[in-house]
């Protein structure tokens, strides 16, 4: 794991694909640096990218509040099959079937259904297009489902329709911005497949 920043309150790192963000990453961080590590947000196991963890309960509580108030901005890079419109805002109702660990776009509000919203901009187009995404809600599999439901599954995302030979979706947590120590800070990284 590449550490981008660490101090007494937070650790910012690039989570590798294949590590569980809620259990394996904190465990590895505790073994490496001791003390406590609190998970503040999630990334699917088969997705990599920038994440922030708290080193103490006070910081974890402050981040929880900031996240609830929409003060943590999460931006992603993804490669999708096909060429979506140049930019757009996607809003859907999503339902997660926990038994299948799969999420579906549904037509109406009911128990277990959550609103999902993201904004995207196409950066490169072709049979596979590169898109930059800004999340407004953090639903399970949200980016993957919202693009797949419009006919643009993420390259490598077999759960949601990709026929690519890749083993994991081409999705990466590219940039996180949040209030910290009285100012707004950002951390970012770009995967090799998204360099233009």
C-alpha atoms as a PDB file:
ATOM      1  CA  UNK A   1       0.000   0.000   0.000  1.00  0.00           C
ATOM      2  CA  UNK A   2       1.324   3.396  -0.939  1.00  0.00           C
ATOM      3  CA  UNK A   3       0.908   5.940   1.875  1.00  0.00           C
ATOM      4  CA  UNK A   4       0.222   9.462   0.574  1.00  0.00           C
ATOM      5  CA  UNK A   5      -0.020  11.164   3.983  1.00  0.00           C
ATOM      6  CA  UNK A   6      -0.006  10.197   7.637  1.00  0.00           C
ATOM      7  CA  UNK A   7      -0.094  12.091  10.906  1.00  0.00           C
ATOM      8  CA  UNK A   8      -1.549  11.554  14.383  1.00  0.00           C
ATOM      9  CA  UNK A   9      -5.131  11.815  13.088  1.00  0.00           C
ATOM     10  CA  UNK A  10      -5.350  10.364   9.582  1.00  0.00           C
ATOM     11  CA  UNK A  11      -3.698   8.032   7.108  1.00  0.00           C
ATOM     12  CA  UNK A  12      -4.293   8.616   3.383  1.00  0.00           C
ATOM     13  CA  UNK A  13      -3.277   5.770   1.101  1.00  0.00           C
ATOM     14  CA  UNK A  14      -3.788   4.103  -2.254  1.00  0.00           C
ATOM     15  CA  UNK A  15      -5.735   0.907  -1.634  1.00  0.00           C
ATOM     16  CA  UNK A  16      -4.635  -1.875  -3.976  1.00  0.00           C
ATOM     17  CA  UNK A  17      -7.188  -3.973  -5.863  1.00  0.00           C
ATOM     18  CA  UNK A  18      -7.897  -7.213  -3.980  1.00  0.00           C
ATOM     19  CA  UNK A  19      -7.694  -5.893  -0.417  1.00  0.00           C
ATOM     20  CA  UNK A  20     -10.849  -5.509   1.668  1.00  0.00           C
ATOM     21  CA  UNK A  21     -11.149  -1.829   2.689  1.00  0.00           C
ATOM     22  CA  UNK A  22     -13.050  -2.451   5.929  1.00  0.00           C
ATOM     23  CA  UNK A  23     -10.993  -5.275   7.449  1.00  0.00           C
ATOM     24  CA  UNK A  24      -7.755  -6.140   5.636  1.00  0.00           C
ATOM     25  CA  UNK A  25      -6.489  -2.578   5.145  1.00  0.00           C
ATOM     26  CA  UNK A  26      -7.038  -1.430   8.779  1.00  0.00           C
ATOM     27  CA  UNK A  27      -5.490  -4.695  10.020  1.00  0.00           C
ATOM     28  CA  UNK A  28      -2.395  -4.153   7.847  1.00  0.00           C
ATOM     29  CA  UNK A  29      -2.132  -0.518   9.009  1.00  0.00           C
ATOM     30  CA  UNK A  30      -2.395  -1.542  12.684  1.00  0.00           C
ATOM     31  CA  UNK A  31       0.309  -4.178  12.225  1.00  0.00           C
ATOM     32  CA  UNK A  32       2.538  -1.609  10.530  1.00  0.00           C
ATOM     33  CA  UNK A  33       2.085   1.416  12.772  1.00  0.00           C
ATOM     34  CA  UNK A  34       0.254   0.227  15.881  1.00  0.00           C
ATOM     35  CA  UNK A  35      -2.623   2.074  17.521  1.00  0.00           C
ATOM     36  CA  UNK A  36      -6.189   2.118  16.259  1.00  0.00           C
ATOM     37  CA  UNK A  37      -7.433   2.582  12.692  1.00  0.00           C
ATOM     38  CA  UNK A  38     -11.022   3.516  11.848  1.00  0.00           C
ATOM     39  CA  UNK A  39     -12.635   2.970   8.449  1.00  0.00           C
ATOM     40  CA  UNK A  40     -14.364   6.154   7.253  1.00  0.00           C
ATOM     41  CA  UNK A  41     -15.634   5.113   3.810  1.00  0.00           C
ATOM     42  CA  UNK A  42     -15.589   2.037   1.578  1.00  0.00           C
ATOM     43  CA  UNK A  43     -14.262   0.810  -1.743  1.00  0.00           C
ATOM     44  CA  UNK A  44     -15.202  -2.533  -3.272  1.00  0.00           C
ATOM     45  CA  UNK A  45     -12.512  -5.193  -2.813  1.00  0.00           C
ATOM     46  CA  UNK A  46     -11.903  -5.328  -6.582  1.00  0.00           C
ATOM     47  CA  UNK A  47     -11.490  -1.521  -6.841  1.00  0.00           C
ATOM     48  CA  UNK A  48      -8.359   0.435  -5.935  1.00  0.00           C
ATOM     49  CA  UNK A  49      -7.570   4.056  -5.219  1.00  0.00           C
ATOM     50  CA  UNK A  50      -7.267   6.867  -2.698  1.00  0.00           C
ATOM     51  CA  UNK A  51      -8.791   6.300   0.748  1.00  0.00           C
ATOM     52  CA  UNK A  52      -8.553   8.036   4.112  1.00  0.00           C
ATOM     53  CA  UNK A  53      -8.600   6.322   7.534  1.00  0.00           C
ATOM     54  CA  UNK A  54      -8.808   7.878  11.004  1.00  0.00           C
ATOM     55  CA  UNK A  55      -6.241   7.144  13.727  1.00  0.00           C
ATOM     56  CA  UNK A  56      -8.525   7.955  16.670  1.00  0.00           C
ATOM     57  CA  UNK A  57     -12.213   8.106  17.667  1.00  0.00           C
ATOM     58  CA  UNK A  58     -12.357  11.912  17.777  1.00  0.00           C
ATOM     59  CA  UNK A  59     -11.163  12.201  14.156  1.00  0.00           C
ATOM     60  CA  UNK A  60     -13.467   9.348  13.058  1.00  0.00           C
ATOM     61  CA  UNK A  61     -16.421  11.191  14.603  1.00  0.00           C
ATOM     62  CA  UNK A  62     -15.485  14.494  12.904  1.00  0.00           C
ATOM     63  CA  UNK A  63     -15.181  12.729   9.534  1.00  0.00           C
ATOM     64  CA  UNK A  64     -18.514  10.954   9.982  1.00  0.00           C
ATOM     65  CA  UNK A  65     -20.134  14.351  10.460  1.00  0.00           C
ATOM     66  CA  UNK A  66     -18.343  15.825   7.427  1.00  0.00           C
ATOM     67  CA  UNK A  67     -19.393  12.870   5.257  1.00  0.00           C
ATOM     68  CA  UNK A  68     -23.032  13.136   6.400  1.00  0.00           C
ATOM     69  CA  UNK A  69     -22.990  16.839   5.536  1.00  0.00           C
ATOM     70  CA  UNK A  70     -21.577  16.138   2.072  1.00  0.00           C
ATOM     71  CA  UNK A  71     -18.245  17.807   2.813  1.00  0.00           C
ATOM     72  CA  UNK A  72     -16.127  14.898   1.569  1.00  0.00           C
ATOM     73  CA  UNK A  73     -15.921  15.009  -2.227  1.00  0.00           C
ATOM     74  CA  UNK A  74     -15.051  11.722  -3.926  1.00  0.00           C
ATOM     75  CA  UNK A  75     -13.969  11.608  -7.565  1.00  0.00           C
ATOM     76  CA  UNK A  76     -13.330   8.498  -9.637  1.00  0.00           C
ATOM     77  CA  UNK A  77     -11.913   7.463 -12.988  1.00  0.00           C
ATOM     78  CA  UNK A  78     -13.506   4.612 -14.919  1.00  0.00           C
ATOM     79  CA  UNK A  79     -13.256   2.957 -18.302  1.00  0.00           C
ATOM     80  CA  UNK A  80     -16.616   2.004 -19.772  1.00  0.00           C
ATOM     81  CA  UNK A  81     -17.619   0.017 -22.859  1.00  0.00           C
ATOM     82  CA  UNK A  82     -18.981   2.251 -25.619  1.00  0.00           C
ATOM     83  CA  UNK A  83     -19.183   6.035 -25.798  1.00  0.00           C
ATOM     84  CA  UNK A  84     -21.536   7.695 -23.314  1.00  0.00           C
ATOM     85  CA  UNK A  85     -22.703  11.297 -23.905  1.00  0.00           C
ATOM     86  CA  UNK A  86     -20.003  13.897 -23.249  1.00  0.00           C
ATOM     87  CA  UNK A  87     -21.245  14.679 -19.751  1.00  0.00           C
ATOM     88  CA  UNK A  88     -24.267  14.229 -17.568  1.00  0.00           C
ATOM     89  CA  UNK A  89     -25.888  13.752 -14.191  1.00  0.00           C
ATOM     90  CA  UNK A  90     -27.189  10.255 -13.451  1.00  0.00           C
ATOM     91  CA  UNK A  91     -29.923   9.874 -10.848  1.00  0.00           C
ATOM     92  CA  UNK A  92     -31.502   6.517 -10.015  1.00  0.00           C
ATOM     93  CA  UNK A  93     -33.234   4.508  -7.335  1.00  0.00           C
ATOM     94  CA  UNK A  94     -31.059   1.528  -6.373  1.00  0.00           C
ATOM     95  CA  UNK A  95     -31.974  -1.683  -4.585  1.00  0.00           C
ATOM     96  CA  UNK A  96     -29.327  -4.064  -3.227  1.00  0.00           C
ATOM     97  CA  UNK A  97     -30.067  -7.782  -3.208  1.00  0.00           C
ATOM     98  CA  UNK A  98     -27.758  -8.841  -0.374  1.00  0.00           C
ATOM     99  CA  UNK A  99     -28.114 -12.554  -1.096  1.00  0.00           C
ATOM    100  CA  UNK A 100     -26.773 -12.092  -4.634  1.00  0.00           C
ATOM    101  CA  UNK A 101     -24.535  -9.140  -3.659  1.00  0.00           C
ATOM    102  CA  UNK A 102     -25.932  -7.341  -6.680  1.00  0.00           C
ATOM    103  CA  UNK A 103     -27.568  -3.937  -7.081  1.00  0.00           C
ATOM    104  CA  UNK A 104     -30.443  -3.107  -9.402  1.00  0.00           C
ATOM    105  CA  UNK A 105     -31.958   0.122 -10.728  1.00  0.00           C
ATOM    106  CA  UNK A 106     -35.653   0.153  -9.794  1.00  0.00           C
ATOM    107  CA  UNK A 107     -38.552   2.380 -10.842  1.00  0.00           C
ATOM    108  CA  UNK A 108     -40.151   3.318  -7.529  1.00  0.00           C
ATOM    109  CA  UNK A 109     -39.319   4.025  -3.916  1.00  0.00           C
ATOM    110  CA  UNK A 110     -39.909   1.150  -1.485  1.00  0.00           C
ATOM    111  CA  UNK A 111     -38.233  -0.408   1.560  1.00  0.00           C
ATOM    112  CA  UNK A 112     -34.500  -0.856   0.986  1.00  0.00           C
ATOM    113  CA  UNK A 113     -34.397   1.442  -2.060  1.00  0.00           C
ATOM    114  CA  UNK A 114     -31.914   4.340  -1.958  1.00  0.00           C
ATOM    115  CA  UNK A 115     -31.451   7.388  -4.153  1.00  0.00           C
ATOM    116  CA  UNK A 116     -28.186   7.533  -6.091  1.00  0.00           C
ATOM    117  CA  UNK A 117     -26.635  10.516  -7.844  1.00  0.00           C
ATOM    118  CA  UNK A 118     -23.395  11.129  -9.711  1.00  0.00           C
ATOM    119  CA  UNK A 119     -22.045  13.553 -12.281  1.00  0.00           C
ATOM    120  CA  UNK A 120     -19.617  12.551 -15.009  1.00  0.00           C
ATOM    121  CA  UNK A 121     -17.531  13.953 -17.852  1.00  0.00           C
ATOM    122  CA  UNK A 122     -16.120  11.904 -20.706  1.00  0.00           C
ATOM    123  CA  UNK A 123     -12.340  12.396 -21.022  1.00  0.00           C
ATOM    124  CA  UNK A 124     -11.608  10.067 -23.948  1.00  0.00           C
ATOM    125  CA  UNK A 125     -13.910   8.170 -26.296  1.00  0.00           C
ATOM    126  CA  UNK A 126     -13.858   4.989 -28.345  1.00  0.00           C
ATOM    127  CA  UNK A 127     -14.911   1.365 -27.963  1.00  0.00           C
ATOM    128  CA  UNK A 128     -13.744   1.947 -24.406  1.00  0.00           C
ATOM    129  CA  UNK A 129     -14.225   5.462 -23.027  1.00  0.00           C
ATOM    130  CA  UNK A 130     -12.545   7.100 -20.046  1.00  0.00           C
ATOM    131  CA  UNK A 131     -14.864   9.003 -17.713  1.00  0.00           C
ATOM    132  CA  UNK A 132     -14.304  11.222 -14.684  1.00  0.00           C
ATOM    133  CA  UNK A 133     -17.009  10.813 -12.025  1.00  0.00           C
ATOM    134  CA  UNK A 134     -18.003  12.920  -9.045  1.00  0.00           C
ATOM    135  CA  UNK A 135     -20.125  11.004  -6.548  1.00  0.00           C
ATOM    136  CA  UNK A 136     -22.900  12.726  -4.627  1.00  0.00           C
ATOM    137  CA  UNK A 137     -24.114   9.568  -2.870  1.00  0.00           C
ATOM    138  CA  UNK A 138     -22.069   6.547  -1.857  1.00  0.00           C
ATOM    139  CA  UNK A 139     -24.255   3.549  -2.649  1.00  0.00           C
ATOM    140  CA  UNK A 140     -22.990   0.004  -2.971  1.00  0.00           C
ATOM    141  CA  UNK A 141     -21.762  -0.668  -6.560  1.00  0.00           C
ATOM    142  CA  UNK A 142     -23.304   2.698  -7.514  1.00  0.00           C
ATOM    143  CA  UNK A 143     -21.000   3.755 -10.372  1.00  0.00           C
ATOM    144  CA  UNK A 144     -20.933   0.233 -11.794  1.00  0.00           C
ATOM    145  CA  UNK A 145     -24.734  -0.124 -11.807  1.00  0.00           C
ATOM    146  CA  UNK A 146     -25.588   3.371 -13.019  1.00  0.00           C
ATOM    147  CA  UNK A 147     -23.354   3.110 -16.087  1.00  0.00           C
ATOM    148  CA  UNK A 148     -24.268  -0.530 -16.834  1.00  0.00           C
ATOM    149  CA  UNK A 149     -28.001   0.264 -16.682  1.00  0.00           C
ATOM    150  CA  UNK A 150     -27.464   2.746 -19.541  1.00  0.00           C
ATOM    151  CA  UNK A 151     -25.551   0.272 -21.696  1.00  0.00           C
ATOM    152  CA  UNK A 152     -22.031   1.349 -20.672  1.00  0.00           C
ATOM    153  CA  UNK A 153     -20.763  -1.336 -18.273  1.00  0.00           C
ATOM    154  CA  UNK A 154     -17.343  -0.769 -16.750  1.00  0.00           C
ATOM    155  CA  UNK A 155     -14.582  -2.617 -18.581  1.00  0.00           C
ATOM    156  CA  UNK A 156     -13.763  -5.761 -16.573  1.00  0.00           C
ATOM    157  CA  UNK A 157     -16.976  -5.635 -14.518  1.00  0.00           C
ATOM    158  CA  UNK A 158     -18.418  -9.093 -15.256  1.00  0.00           C
ATOM    159  CA  UNK A 159     -21.097  -8.780 -12.571  1.00  0.00           C
ATOM    160  CA  UNK A 160     -22.707  -5.964 -14.543  1.00  0.00           C
ATOM    161  CA  UNK A 161     -22.224  -7.020 -18.156  1.00  0.00           C
ATOM    162  CA  UNK A 162     -18.600  -6.557 -19.260  1.00  0.00           C
ATOM    163  CA  UNK A 163     -17.264  -9.156 -21.710  1.00  0.00           C
ATOM    164  CA  UNK A 164     -13.661  -8.021 -21.195  1.00  0.00           C
ATOM    165  CA  UNK A 165     -10.977 -10.524 -20.207  1.00  0.00           C
ATOM    166  CA  UNK A 166      -9.887  -8.292 -17.325  1.00  0.00           C
ATOM    167  CA  UNK A 167     -10.553  -9.714 -13.862  1.00  0.00           C
ATOM    168  CA  UNK A 168     -11.624  -6.476 -12.109  1.00  0.00           C
ATOM    169  CA  UNK A 169     -13.609  -3.371 -13.081  1.00  0.00           C
ATOM    170  CA  UNK A 170     -11.579  -0.446 -14.411  1.00  0.00           C
ATOM    171  CA  UNK A 171     -12.652   1.878 -11.635  1.00  0.00           C
ATOM    172  CA  UNK A 172     -10.318   3.908  -9.421  1.00  0.00           C
ATOM    173  CA  UNK A 173     -10.826   6.301  -6.507  1.00  0.00           C
ATOM    174  CA  UNK A 174      -8.910   9.158  -8.102  1.00  0.00           C
ATOM    175  CA  UNK A 175      -9.293  12.104  -5.716  1.00  0.00           C
ATOM    176  CA  UNK A 176     -10.664  12.814  -2.243  1.00  0.00           C
ATOM    177  CA  UNK A 177     -11.213  16.347  -0.930  1.00  0.00           C
ATOM    178  CA  UNK A 178     -12.254  17.105   2.652  1.00  0.00           C
ATOM    179  CA  UNK A 179     -12.018  19.757   5.386  1.00  0.00           C
ATOM    180  CA  UNK A 180      -9.037  19.131   7.677  1.00  0.00           C
ATOM    181  CA  UNK A 181      -7.342  21.301  10.293  1.00  0.00           C
ATOM    182  CA  UNK A 182      -9.290  24.380   9.242  1.00  0.00           C
ATOM    183  CA  UNK A 183      -8.681  24.103   5.520  1.00  0.00           C
ATOM    184  CA  UNK A 184      -9.741  22.035   2.511  1.00  0.00           C
ATOM    185  CA  UNK A 185      -7.234  19.366   1.495  1.00  0.00           C
ATOM    186  CA  UNK A 186      -7.100  17.018  -1.504  1.00  0.00           C
ATOM    187  CA  UNK A 187      -5.218  13.836  -2.250  1.00  0.00           C
ATOM    188  CA  UNK A 188      -5.148  12.216  -5.662  1.00  0.00           C
ATOM    189  CA  UNK A 189      -3.611   9.458  -7.747  1.00  0.00           C
ATOM    190  CA  UNK A 190      -4.127   8.263 -11.322  1.00  0.00           C
ATOM    191  CA  UNK A 191      -3.899   4.628 -12.448  1.00  0.00           C
ATOM    192  CA  UNK A 192      -1.667   3.888 -15.476  1.00  0.00           C
ATOM    193  CA  UNK A 193      -4.713   2.945 -17.596  1.00  0.00           C
ATOM    194  CA  UNK A 194      -6.251   6.412 -17.162  1.00  0.00           C
ATOM    195  CA  UNK A 195      -3.276   8.504 -18.222  1.00  0.00           C
ATOM    196  CA  UNK A 196      -4.138  10.430 -21.384  1.00  0.00           C
END
